[in-house]
Amino acid sequence: MWHLAAYVDSDAVKAVVLAETDDALRESLHARFGIIKQAVADYADVLADTGISVVDICAPVQQRADMAVAALQAGKHVVCLGPPASDAAELKRMMAAEGEARLFVLTPDLHVPAIEKACELLAEGELGEAILGSWVATDWARTPFDGPGASERCWPQTGLGLLFDRCYGAAVLLQRWLGSAESVSASSAGERVESAEMRTRNGALGQMTAIAAVAGDVAVERRLIGSDASLLIRDDPEDEITLGGFVDGVFQPIPVRHTPYVQRLATRVGLQVLLECIAGGGEPPLPNEEALRAMELLDAVRESLRVGGAVPLANG
């Protein structure tokens, strides 16, 4: 839904062809979005359409690699929502299929206004040396999309773990803030909580936790602690202060754009940025090598949960 709304708002998009196997959902979306010129059940019809230049893949994670490779081989640029594949090896296969057609990983967290400002403050040295970053994502145990049959089609439920489902953005941004992970140690508390601690070569510490709550608002809270100051970044629909700084123990709100639908806004902005990159041949906000490092971190998290101990990363 959010992707289609972004294309309606974009001057670069002339029309959309929708591929959706669910008959009721396909008909509902076709009726709702006038930008959809055609709705088909078979993805192969999209790849055969010479009028299509970009394919946006929102399929279940386990299907994304095969679909992306097929699209790239058909000469279509590919936008793939993160996590772009089920593991790092699959993402490497997608990257290897690039030629003139390019692969772009969409990570909406990069376009959350409070996060953009936090990255700016860190780059300007306002926090001093980054020491610790934490990321806590609380979500409903089942988060349905809109549309017919939504209660049976819930996301994210990949079977690859809560941290994989909810913390791809964390895997990207914690390494951007603190440096590449050298090792990771993960643990779980039943089926509703997973947590991981990553260490970087320069000694910084990153923590990420995913919680599948029974009730309550969807929310993400992030802390970025430096040697001189720290930041609190929140995505809470009821909180009007989404970014604040602490200096000498004093809290100071930092003005940024606020909306109760921040992930929807970030998705729209992220897609528009990628369309500009495609049209102008520019570099995306998330280079594929950086997207791969995030996948490698999540692979290590999954392995740590399996073996019950710390797991080193080859490129840490």
Protein backbone atom coordinates (compact mmCIF):
# COMPACT_ATOMS: atom_id res chain seq x y z
CA MET A 1 0.00 0.00 0.00
CA TRP A 2 2.69 2.48 1.02
CA HIS A 3 4.73 1.74 -2.11
CA LEU A 4 1.77 2.32 -4.40
CA ALA A 5 0.96 5.59 -2.63
CA ALA A 6 4.56 6.71 -3.19
CA TYR A 7 4.29 6.04 -6.91
CA VAL A 8 1.06 8.04 -7.10
CA ASP A 9 2.98 10.98 -5.60
CA SER A 10 6.01 10.62 -7.90
CA ASP A 11 6.35 12.69 -11.06
CA ALA A 12 8.79 10.10 -12.41
CA VAL A 13 6.26 7.25 -12.55
CA LYS A 14 3.95 7.13 -15.55
CA ALA A 15 2.09 3.93 -14.67
CA VAL A 16 2.32 0.75 -12.60
CA VAL A 17 1.69 -2.88 -13.51
CA LEU A 18 0.73 -4.91 -10.44
CA ALA A 19 1.58 -8.61 -10.14
CA GLU A 20 -0.33 -10.30 -7.30
CA THR A 21 -1.34 -13.95 -7.04
CA ASP A 22 -4.24 -13.34 -4.64
CA ASP A 23 -7.29 -12.61 -6.83
CA ALA A 24 -9.24 -10.60 -4.24
CA LEU A 25 -6.29 -8.47 -3.21
CA ARG A 26 -5.26 -7.85 -6.81
CA GLU A 27 -8.75 -6.65 -7.73
CA SER A 28 -9.00 -4.49 -4.61
CA LEU A 29 -5.69 -2.74 -5.28
CA HIS A 30 -6.44 -2.31 -8.98
CA ALA A 31 -9.70 -0.57 -8.11
CA ARG A 32 -8.14 1.62 -5.44
CA PHE A 33 -5.05 2.93 -7.27
CA GLY A 34 -5.68 4.57 -10.61
CA ILE A 35 -1.96 4.56 -11.42
CA ILE A 36 -2.18 0.77 -11.90
CA LYS A 37 -2.72 0.39 -15.64
CA GLN A 38 -2.82 -3.41 -15.50
CA ALA A 39 -3.05 -6.09 -12.80
CA VAL A 40 -1.77 -9.59 -13.53
CA ALA A 41 -1.48 -12.83 -11.59
CA ASP A 42 1.79 -14.01 -13.16
CA TYR A 43 5.06 -12.21 -12.35
CA ALA A 44 6.49 -13.46 -15.66
CA ASP A 45 4.08 -11.11 -17.45
CA VAL A 46 5.79 -8.17 -15.75
CA LEU A 47 9.25 -9.31 -16.85
CA ALA A 48 8.05 -9.75 -20.44
CA ASP A 49 6.61 -6.22 -20.58
CA THR A 50 9.16 -4.05 -22.44
CA GLY A 51 7.47 -0.90 -21.16
CA ILE A 52 8.49 -1.61 -17.58
CA SER A 53 11.85 -0.25 -16.46
CA VAL A 54 11.72 -0.76 -12.67
CA VAL A 55 10.45 -3.71 -10.64
CA ASP A 56 9.61 -3.11 -6.96
CA ILE A 57 9.60 -6.40 -5.04
CA CYS A 58 7.44 -6.60 -1.90
CA ALA A 59 7.06 -10.39 -1.92
CA PRO A 60 7.88 -12.61 1.10
CA VAL A 61 11.60 -12.55 1.91
CA GLN A 62 12.27 -16.12 0.76
CA GLN A 63 11.02 -15.25 -2.75
CA ARG A 64 12.87 -11.98 -3.24
CA ALA A 65 16.22 -13.29 -4.48
CA ASP A 66 14.78 -15.43 -7.29
CA MET A 67 12.41 -12.65 -8.35
CA ALA A 68 15.17 -10.02 -8.28
CA VAL A 69 17.62 -12.14 -10.28
CA ALA A 70 14.97 -12.84 -12.92
CA ALA A 71 14.13 -9.13 -13.16
CA LEU A 72 17.77 -8.04 -13.41
CA GLN A 73 18.39 -10.64 -16.12
CA ALA A 74 15.36 -9.27 -17.95
CA GLY A 75 16.97 -5.82 -17.92
CA LYS A 76 14.78 -4.27 -15.22
CA HIS A 77 16.15 -2.17 -12.39
CA VAL A 78 15.11 -3.72 -9.07
CA VAL A 79 14.00 -2.04 -5.87
CA CYS A 80 13.83 -4.54 -3.03
CA LEU A 81 12.58 -3.80 0.46
CA GLY A 82 15.07 -4.69 3.19
CA PRO A 83 15.86 -7.30 4.27
CA PRO A 84 16.37 -7.98 0.57
CA ALA A 85 16.95 -11.74 0.90
CA SER A 86 16.86 -14.59 3.38
CA ASP A 87 20.65 -14.53 3.92
CA ALA A 88 23.86 -12.90 2.72
CA ALA A 89 24.57 -15.61 0.13
CA GLU A 90 21.24 -14.88 -1.57
CA LEU A 91 21.97 -11.15 -1.61
CA LYS A 92 25.37 -11.84 -3.19
CA ARG A 93 23.58 -13.83 -5.90
CA MET A 94 21.32 -10.85 -6.53
CA MET A 95 24.28 -8.47 -6.70
CA ALA A 96 26.08 -10.78 -9.14
CA ALA A 97 23.10 -10.52 -11.52
CA GLU A 98 23.56 -6.76 -11.89
CA GLY A 99 24.64 -5.42 -15.26
CA GLU A 100 23.23 -2.32 -16.85
CA ALA A 101 20.20 -3.00 -14.69
CA ARG A 102 20.89 -2.15 -11.05
CA LEU A 103 19.76 -3.49 -7.67
CA PHE A 104 18.60 -1.03 -4.99
CA VAL A 105 17.79 -1.97 -1.38
CA LEU A 106 15.09 0.20 0.17
CA THR A 107 15.65 0.87 3.88
CA PRO A 108 13.01 3.33 5.10
CA ASP A 109 14.78 3.87 8.45
CA LEU A 110 17.43 5.89 6.60
CA HIS A 111 14.75 8.45 5.73
CA VAL A 112 13.13 8.91 9.15
CA PRO A 113 13.65 12.65 9.84
CA ALA A 114 14.93 12.13 13.39
CA ILE A 115 17.45 9.53 12.18
CA GLU A 116 18.63 11.78 9.36
CA LYS A 117 19.25 14.56 11.90
CA ALA A 118 21.03 12.16 14.28
CA CYS A 119 23.36 11.05 11.47
CA GLU A 120 24.07 14.69 10.68
CA LEU A 121 24.90 15.53 14.32
CA LEU A 122 27.19 12.50 14.62
CA ALA A 123 29.00 13.38 11.38
CA GLU A 124 29.51 16.96 12.61
CA GLY A 125 31.16 15.69 15.79
CA GLU A 126 28.45 16.98 18.12
CA LEU A 127 28.39 13.69 20.09
CA GLY A 128 32.12 13.18 20.23
CA GLU A 129 33.18 9.55 19.78
CA ALA A 130 30.30 7.12 19.34
CA ILE A 131 30.47 4.59 22.18
CA LEU A 132 27.16 2.76 22.24
CA GLY A 133 24.04 2.48 20.10
CA SER A 134 20.85 0.67 21.09
CA TRP A 135 17.71 -0.16 19.13
CA VAL A 136 14.50 -1.57 20.61
CA ALA A 137 11.64 -2.40 18.21
CA THR A 138 8.25 -3.24 19.69
CA ASP A 139 5.61 -4.52 17.29
CA TRP A 140 2.35 -6.40 17.42
CA ALA A 141 2.78 -10.15 17.39
CA ARG A 142 0.79 -10.12 14.15
CA THR A 143 0.75 -7.00 11.98
CA PRO A 144 -1.76 -7.32 9.13
CA PHE A 145 -1.67 -5.38 5.91
CA ASP A 146 -4.85 -3.75 4.65
CA GLY A 147 -7.04 -5.41 2.07
CA PRO A 148 -9.03 -8.60 1.61
CA GLY A 149 -7.64 -11.58 3.47
CA ALA A 150 -5.34 -9.34 5.53
CA SER A 151 -5.77 -11.33 8.72
CA GLU A 152 -4.26 -14.38 7.03
CA ARG A 153 -1.45 -12.43 5.34
CA CYS A 154 0.62 -10.92 8.12
CA TRP A 155 4.10 -9.44 7.98
CA PRO A 156 6.71 -9.86 9.14
CA GLN A 157 6.54 -13.61 9.75
CA THR A 158 9.50 -15.09 7.86
CA GLY A 159 10.39 -17.87 10.26
CA LEU A 160 13.92 -16.41 10.38
CA GLY A 161 13.60 -14.72 13.76
CA LEU A 162 12.29 -11.51 15.30
CA LEU A 163 15.56 -9.63 14.86
CA PHE A 164 15.63 -10.56 11.17
CA ASP A 165 12.02 -9.50 10.72
CA ARG A 166 12.19 -6.21 12.59
CA CYS A 167 15.79 -5.02 12.76
CA TYR A 168 17.29 -4.84 9.28
CA GLY A 169 17.36 -1.06 9.65
CA ALA A 170 19.13 -1.51 12.98
CA ALA A 171 21.76 -3.75 11.37
CA VAL A 172 22.39 -1.01 8.80
CA LEU A 173 22.41 2.02 11.08
CA LEU A 174 24.22 0.61 14.11
CA GLN A 175 27.14 -0.29 11.85
CA ARG A 176 26.96 3.09 10.14
CA TRP A 177 27.08 4.83 13.53
CA LEU A 178 29.57 2.58 15.32
CA GLY A 179 31.57 0.80 12.61
CA SER A 180 31.41 -2.70 11.16
CA ALA A 181 30.57 -5.47 13.60
CA GLU A 182 33.49 -7.68 14.64
CA SER A 183 31.41 -10.20 16.60
CA VAL A 184 27.84 -10.69 17.77
CA SER A 185 26.22 -12.54 20.63
CA ALA A 186 22.44 -13.10 20.58
CA SER A 187 19.87 -14.52 22.99
CA SER A 188 16.12 -15.03 23.14
CA ALA A 189 13.47 -15.05 25.85
CA GLY A 190 10.83 -17.39 24.52
CA GLU A 191 9.19 -16.62 21.19
CA ARG A 192 8.49 -12.95 21.82
CA VAL A 193 11.88 -11.39 22.55
CA GLU A 194 15.22 -11.61 20.76
CA SER A 195 18.25 -9.50 21.56
CA ALA A 196 21.78 -9.19 20.17
CA GLU A 197 24.93 -7.40 21.22
CA MET A 198 27.52 -6.51 18.60
CA ARG A 199 31.09 -5.40 19.17
CA THR A 200 33.08 -3.36 16.70
CA ARG A 201 36.81 -3.37 16.08
CA ASN A 202 37.18 0.09 17.65
CA GLY A 203 35.47 -1.05 20.87
CA ALA A 204 32.01 0.45 20.39
CA LEU A 205 28.99 -1.59 21.43
CA GLY A 206 25.70 -1.99 19.59
CA GLN A 207 22.55 -3.54 21.02
CA MET A 208 19.32 -4.43 19.24
CA THR A 209 16.16 -5.98 20.65
CA ALA A 210 12.96 -7.06 18.92
CA ILE A 211 9.77 -7.58 20.92
CA ALA A 212 6.55 -9.09 19.61
CA ALA A 213 4.03 -7.56 22.02
CA VAL A 214 0.55 -8.82 22.70
CA ALA A 215 -0.87 -5.30 22.59
CA GLY A 216 0.26 -1.69 22.43
CA ASP A 217 1.57 0.70 19.84
CA VAL A 218 4.17 -0.14 17.26
CA ALA A 219 7.23 1.79 18.41
CA VAL A 220 10.99 1.96 17.99
CA GLU A 221 13.36 3.58 20.46
CA ARG A 222 17.00 4.20 19.66
CA ARG A 223 19.82 5.63 21.77
CA LEU A 224 23.13 6.85 20.43
CA ILE A 225 25.64 7.60 23.17
CA GLY A 226 28.83 9.50 22.52
CA SER A 227 31.72 10.69 24.63
CA ASP A 228 30.34 14.26 24.70
CA ALA A 229 26.57 13.89 24.33
CA SER A 230 23.86 11.39 23.56
CA LEU A 231 20.64 11.20 21.54
CA LEU A 232 17.25 9.60 22.07
CA ILE A 233 15.31 8.84 18.86
CA ARG A 234 11.73 7.59 19.04
CA ASP A 235 9.06 6.41 16.62
CA ASP A 236 6.04 6.53 18.86
CA PRO A 237 2.76 7.81 17.38
CA GLU A 238 1.83 9.43 20.72
CA ASP A 239 5.17 11.15 21.33
CA GLU A 240 5.58 14.61 19.85
CA ILE A 241 9.29 14.70 20.74
CA THR A 242 10.96 12.27 18.38
CA LEU A 243 14.54 13.45 18.86
CA GLY A 244 16.23 14.75 21.97
CA GLY A 245 19.78 15.31 23.12
CA PHE A 246 21.43 14.91 26.52
CA VAL A 247 24.40 17.12 27.40
CA ASP A 248 25.69 17.15 31.00
CA GLY A 249 22.53 15.35 32.08
CA VAL A 250 20.20 18.00 30.65
CA PHE A 251 17.61 16.95 28.05
CA GLN A 252 17.02 19.25 25.09
CA PRO A 253 14.38 18.53 22.39
CA ILE A 254 15.78 18.80 18.87
CA PRO A 255 13.25 20.03 16.27
CA VAL A 256 12.64 17.69 13.34
CA ARG A 257 9.65 16.97 11.13
CA HIS A 258 7.07 14.94 13.07
CA THR A 259 4.29 12.73 11.79
CA PRO A 260 2.36 9.90 13.45
CA TYR A 261 2.97 7.84 10.30
CA VAL A 262 6.73 8.22 10.14
CA GLN A 263 7.49 4.85 8.51
CA ARG A 264 4.95 5.57 5.80
CA LEU A 265 6.61 8.95 5.18
CA ALA A 266 10.07 7.33 5.19
CA THR A 267 8.97 4.68 2.70
CA ARG A 268 7.61 7.32 0.33
CA VAL A 269 10.72 9.49 0.58
CA GLY A 270 13.02 6.46 0.20
CA LEU A 271 11.28 5.30 -2.96
CA GLN A 272 11.39 8.78 -4.45
CA VAL A 273 15.14 9.02 -3.74
CA LEU A 274 15.75 5.66 -5.42
CA LEU A 275 13.71 6.69 -8.47
CA GLU A 276 15.90 9.79 -8.76
CA CYS A 277 19.01 7.58 -8.55
CA ILE A 278 17.67 5.35 -11.32
CA ALA A 279 16.74 8.28 -13.55
CA GLY A 280 20.00 10.16 -13.00
CA GLY A 281 22.44 7.28 -12.53
CA GLY A 282 23.28 8.43 -9.00
CA GLU A 283 24.38 6.45 -5.98
CA PRO A 284 21.71 5.18 -3.57
CA PRO A 285 21.56 6.07 0.15
CA LEU A 286 22.42 2.44 0.96
CA PRO A 287 25.20 1.03 -1.25
CA ASN A 288 24.84 -2.70 -1.89
CA GLU A 289 28.07 -3.54 -0.07
CA GLU A 290 26.69 -1.86 3.04
CA ALA A 291 23.38 -3.68 2.58
CA LEU A 292 25.40 -6.91 2.44
CA ARG A 293 27.18 -6.13 5.73
CA ALA A 294 23.79 -5.78 7.40
CA MET A 295 22.74 -9.18 6.03
CA GLU A 296 26.00 -10.73 7.26
CA LEU A 297 25.32 -9.32 10.73
CA LEU A 298 21.83 -10.85 10.77
CA ASP A 299 23.26 -14.17 9.56
CA ALA A 300 25.67 -14.06 12.51
CA VAL A 301 22.79 -13.25 14.87
CA ARG A 302 20.92 -16.32 13.66
CA GLU A 303 24.03 -18.49 14.07
CA SER A 304 24.64 -17.11 17.58
CA LEU A 305 21.09 -18.03 18.58
CA ARG A 306 21.71 -21.53 17.24
CA VAL A 307 25.04 -22.18 18.95
CA GLY A 308 24.41 -20.16 22.08
CA GLY A 309 27.58 -18.08 21.95
CA ALA A 310 29.49 -15.27 20.27
CA VAL A 311 29.99 -15.49 16.49
CA PRO A 312 32.76 -13.57 14.67
CA LEU A 313 32.13 -11.71 11.41
CA ALA A 314 34.65 -12.15 8.62
CA ASN A 315 34.72 -8.46 7.69
CA GLY A 316 34.50 -7.06 11.19
